[in-house]
Amino acid sequence: MTVYVETDFLLALAKDTDWLQGSAEDAIVEYDIETSPFSYLELLLARERYEFDYVPLVANLLELVPVRNEEEKQIVLKAVNYYDEGMTPLDAFHAATAETRGMDVLSSEKDYEDIEVERVPLEPNDEE
């Protein structure tokens, strides 16, 4: 049986100690497990509360707790890279999603100009 897991499951595996850790480890054996990029986004958001080395952690967790398909996996991996380069978790996931889907980003966020994603300015043109 395939079950969807969310961020508390990832945190139980990521933290050194967690009251749900044993249950999460047992579930990996008992079920086919799947999650979404949103769970990995939330994991990055929680990073400020729980200090962990997130780059190897996410790579390892993706093996244990996969996302639905290769496109979603690429979004997570690219987002972690953008986050590591200094983007906020949310902007990193937006950038990774746009890049993976081959799209530009319509945004006022200037951080997109420093990465592989093309930014279409949302802010008004001064000439108008």
C-alpha atoms as a PDB file:
ATOM      1  CA  MET A   1       0.000   0.000   0.000  1.00  0.00           C
ATOM      2  CA  THR A   2       1.302   3.464  -0.898  1.00  0.00           C
ATOM      3  CA  VAL A   3       0.856   6.182   1.700  1.00  0.00           C
ATOM      4  CA  TYR A   4       1.490   9.897   1.469  1.00  0.00           C
ATOM      5  CA  VAL A   5       3.663  11.358   4.213  1.00  0.00           C
ATOM      6  CA  GLU A   6       4.118  14.952   5.196  1.00  0.00           C
ATOM      7  CA  THR A   7       6.738  17.019   6.932  1.00  0.00           C
ATOM      8  CA  ASP A   8       6.479  15.581  10.444  1.00  0.00           C
ATOM      9  CA  PHE A   9       7.536  12.261   8.903  1.00  0.00           C
ATOM     10  CA  LEU A  10      10.593  13.879   7.251  1.00  0.00           C
ATOM     11  CA  LEU A  11      11.485  15.689  10.468  1.00  0.00           C
ATOM     12  CA  ALA A  12      11.223  12.453  12.448  1.00  0.00           C
ATOM     13  CA  LEU A  13      13.879  10.980  10.151  1.00  0.00           C
ATOM     14  CA  ALA A  14      15.997  14.140   9.903  1.00  0.00           C
ATOM     15  CA  LYS A  15      16.376  15.006  13.570  1.00  0.00           C
ATOM     16  CA  ASP A  16      18.875  13.245  15.820  1.00  0.00           C
ATOM     17  CA  THR A  17      16.078  12.293  18.206  1.00  0.00           C
ATOM     18  CA  ASP A  18      12.339  12.548  17.714  1.00  0.00           C
ATOM     19  CA  TRP A  19       9.476  10.806  19.468  1.00  0.00           C
ATOM     20  CA  LEU A  20       8.140   9.700  16.053  1.00  0.00           C
ATOM     21  CA  GLN A  21      11.460   8.412  14.719  1.00  0.00           C
ATOM     22  CA  GLY A  22      10.839   4.733  15.475  1.00  0.00           C
ATOM     23  CA  SER A  23       7.370   4.841  13.941  1.00  0.00           C
ATOM     24  CA  ALA A  24       8.714   6.568  10.824  1.00  0.00           C
ATOM     25  CA  GLU A  25      11.474   3.989  10.439  1.00  0.00           C
ATOM     26  CA  ASP A  26       8.946   1.169  10.825  1.00  0.00           C
ATOM     27  CA  ALA A  27       6.665   2.775   8.228  1.00  0.00           C
ATOM     28  CA  ILE A  28       9.476   2.819   5.657  1.00  0.00           C
ATOM     29  CA  VAL A  29       9.594  -0.974   5.912  1.00  0.00           C
ATOM     30  CA  GLU A  30       5.836  -1.486   6.062  1.00  0.00           C
ATOM     31  CA  TYR A  31       4.601   0.882   3.315  1.00  0.00           C
ATOM     32  CA  ASP A  32       5.502   2.311  -0.045  1.00  0.00           C
ATOM     33  CA  ILE A  33       6.000   5.946   0.877  1.00  0.00           C
ATOM     34  CA  GLU A  34       5.609   9.052  -1.229  1.00  0.00           C
ATOM     35  CA  THR A  35       5.542  12.778  -0.554  1.00  0.00           C
ATOM     36  CA  SER A  36       5.537  16.024  -2.513  1.00  0.00           C
ATOM     37  CA  PRO A  37       7.958  18.894  -3.029  1.00  0.00           C
ATOM     38  CA  PHE A  38       5.838  20.840  -0.507  1.00  0.00           C
ATOM     39  CA  SER A  39       7.068  18.576   2.284  1.00  0.00           C
ATOM     40  CA  TYR A  40      10.661  19.287   1.319  1.00  0.00           C
ATOM     41  CA  LEU A  41       9.904  23.019   1.170  1.00  0.00           C
ATOM     42  CA  GLU A  42       8.519  22.838   4.682  1.00  0.00           C
ATOM     43  CA  LEU A  43      11.631  20.932   5.761  1.00  0.00           C
ATOM     44  CA  LEU A  44      13.789  23.851   4.557  1.00  0.00           C
ATOM     45  CA  LEU A  45      11.523  26.291   6.367  1.00  0.00           C
ATOM     46  CA  ALA A  46      11.965  24.243   9.563  1.00  0.00           C
ATOM     47  CA  ARG A  47      15.737  24.243   9.139  1.00  0.00           C
ATOM     48  CA  GLU A  48      16.017  27.462  11.133  1.00  0.00           C
ATOM     49  CA  ARG A  49      14.505  25.706  14.124  1.00  0.00           C
ATOM     50  CA  TYR A  50      16.377  22.416  13.704  1.00  0.00           C
ATOM     51  CA  GLU A  51      19.969  22.819  12.651  1.00  0.00           C
ATOM     52  CA  PHE A  52      20.898  20.078  10.190  1.00  0.00           C
ATOM     53  CA  ASP A  53      23.099  19.790   7.143  1.00  0.00           C
ATOM     54  CA  TYR A  54      20.237  20.022   4.660  1.00  0.00           C
ATOM     55  CA  VAL A  55      22.032  19.384   1.326  1.00  0.00           C
ATOM     56  CA  PRO A  56      23.075  15.766   1.994  1.00  0.00           C
ATOM     57  CA  LEU A  57      20.002  15.279   4.188  1.00  0.00           C
ATOM     58  CA  VAL A  58      17.570  16.062   1.371  1.00  0.00           C
ATOM     59  CA  ALA A  59      19.503  13.953  -1.129  1.00  0.00           C
ATOM     60  CA  ASN A  60      19.405  10.992   1.268  1.00  0.00           C
ATOM     61  CA  LEU A  61      15.778  11.536   2.231  1.00  0.00           C
ATOM     62  CA  LEU A  62      14.720  11.594  -1.427  1.00  0.00           C
ATOM     63  CA  GLU A  63      15.955   8.007  -1.660  1.00  0.00           C
ATOM     64  CA  LEU A  64      13.882   6.945   1.366  1.00  0.00           C
ATOM     65  CA  VAL A  65      10.916   9.264   0.852  1.00  0.00           C
ATOM     66  CA  PRO A  66      10.510   9.865  -2.872  1.00  0.00           C
ATOM     67  CA  VAL A  67       8.329  12.381  -4.622  1.00  0.00           C
ATOM     68  CA  ARG A  68       5.898  11.363  -7.352  1.00  0.00           C
ATOM     69  CA  ASN A  69       8.122  11.604 -10.427  1.00  0.00           C
ATOM     70  CA  GLU A  70      11.467  12.717 -11.815  1.00  0.00           C
ATOM     71  CA  GLU A  71      10.236  16.270 -12.473  1.00  0.00           C
ATOM     72  CA  GLU A  72       9.285  16.737  -8.819  1.00  0.00           C
ATOM     73  CA  LYS A  73      12.629  15.264  -7.747  1.00  0.00           C
ATOM     74  CA  GLN A  74      14.461  17.767  -9.952  1.00  0.00           C
ATOM     75  CA  ILE A  75      12.431  20.604  -8.443  1.00  0.00           C
ATOM     76  CA  VAL A  76      13.458  19.563  -4.930  1.00  0.00           C
ATOM     77  CA  LEU A  77      17.144  19.119  -5.821  1.00  0.00           C
ATOM     78  CA  LYS A  78      17.345  22.416  -7.719  1.00  0.00           C
ATOM     79  CA  ALA A  79      15.492  24.254  -4.955  1.00  0.00           C
ATOM     80  CA  VAL A  80      17.919  23.000  -2.322  1.00  0.00           C
ATOM     81  CA  ASN A  81      20.773  24.208  -4.518  1.00  0.00           C
ATOM     82  CA  TYR A  82      19.197  27.669  -4.923  1.00  0.00           C
ATOM     83  CA  TYR A  83      18.543  27.817  -1.191  1.00  0.00           C
ATOM     84  CA  ASP A  84      22.173  26.883  -0.568  1.00  0.00           C
ATOM     85  CA  GLU A  85      23.165  29.785  -2.845  1.00  0.00           C
ATOM     86  CA  GLY A  86      21.219  32.222  -0.672  1.00  0.00           C
ATOM     87  CA  MET A  87      17.642  32.339  -1.926  1.00  0.00           C
ATOM     88  CA  THR A  88      14.759  32.083   0.516  1.00  0.00           C
ATOM     89  CA  PRO A  89      13.124  28.632   0.643  1.00  0.00           C
ATOM     90  CA  LEU A  90       9.981  29.886  -1.104  1.00  0.00           C
ATOM     91  CA  ASP A  91      11.834  31.721  -3.895  1.00  0.00           C
ATOM     92  CA  ALA A  92      14.137  28.728  -4.322  1.00  0.00           C
ATOM     93  CA  PHE A  93      11.178  26.412  -4.911  1.00  0.00           C
ATOM     94  CA  HIS A  94       9.525  28.889  -7.287  1.00  0.00           C
ATOM     95  CA  ALA A  95      12.767  29.219  -9.257  1.00  0.00           C
ATOM     96  CA  ALA A  96      13.294  25.460  -9.357  1.00  0.00           C
ATOM     97  CA  THR A  97       9.732  24.875 -10.514  1.00  0.00           C
ATOM     98  CA  ALA A  98      10.010  27.448 -13.302  1.00  0.00           C
ATOM     99  CA  GLU A  99      13.406  26.134 -14.418  1.00  0.00           C
ATOM    100  CA  THR A 100      12.303  22.498 -14.396  1.00  0.00           C
ATOM    101  CA  ARG A 101       9.202  23.369 -16.398  1.00  0.00           C
ATOM    102  CA  GLY A 102      11.209  25.500 -18.850  1.00  0.00           C
ATOM    103  CA  MET A 103       9.400  28.704 -17.934  1.00  0.00           C
ATOM    104  CA  ASP A 104      10.364  32.276 -17.107  1.00  0.00           C
ATOM    105  CA  VAL A 105       9.307  33.837 -13.789  1.00  0.00           C
ATOM    106  CA  LEU A 106       7.090  36.920 -13.748  1.00  0.00           C
ATOM    107  CA  SER A 107       8.235  38.564 -10.533  1.00  0.00           C
ATOM    108  CA  SER A 108       9.613  41.659  -8.876  1.00  0.00           C
ATOM    109  CA  GLU A 109      12.159  39.499  -6.989  1.00  0.00           C
ATOM    110  CA  LYS A 110      15.632  40.438  -8.233  1.00  0.00           C
ATOM    111  CA  ASP A 111      17.241  37.213  -6.900  1.00  0.00           C
ATOM    112  CA  TYR A 112      16.020  35.428 -10.027  1.00  0.00           C
ATOM    113  CA  GLU A 113      18.455  37.498 -12.082  1.00  0.00           C
ATOM    114  CA  ASP A 114      21.406  35.743 -10.402  1.00  0.00           C
ATOM    115  CA  ILE A 115      20.381  32.223 -11.444  1.00  0.00           C
ATOM    116  CA  GLU A 116      19.515  30.236 -14.573  1.00  0.00           C
ATOM    117  CA  VAL A 117      15.857  31.315 -14.558  1.00  0.00           C
ATOM    118  CA  GLU A 118      14.843  34.276 -16.702  1.00  0.00           C
ATOM    119  CA  ARG A 119      12.910  36.944 -14.817  1.00  0.00           C
ATOM    120  CA  VAL A 120      10.164  38.870 -16.546  1.00  0.00           C
ATOM    121  CA  PRO A 121       9.811  42.093 -14.539  1.00  0.00           C
ATOM    122  CA  LEU A 122       6.517  42.468 -12.720  1.00  0.00           C
ATOM    123  CA  GLU A 123       7.272  46.006 -11.621  1.00  0.00           C
ATOM    124  CA  PRO A 124       5.954  48.823 -13.831  1.00  0.00           C
ATOM    125  CA  ASN A 125       8.122  50.060 -16.641  1.00  0.00           C
ATOM    126  CA  ASP A 126       9.292  53.634 -15.889  1.00  0.00           C
ATOM    127  CA  GLU A 127       8.546  54.609 -19.478  1.00  0.00           C
ATOM    128  CA  GLU A 128       4.812  53.980 -19.107  1.00  0.00           C
END
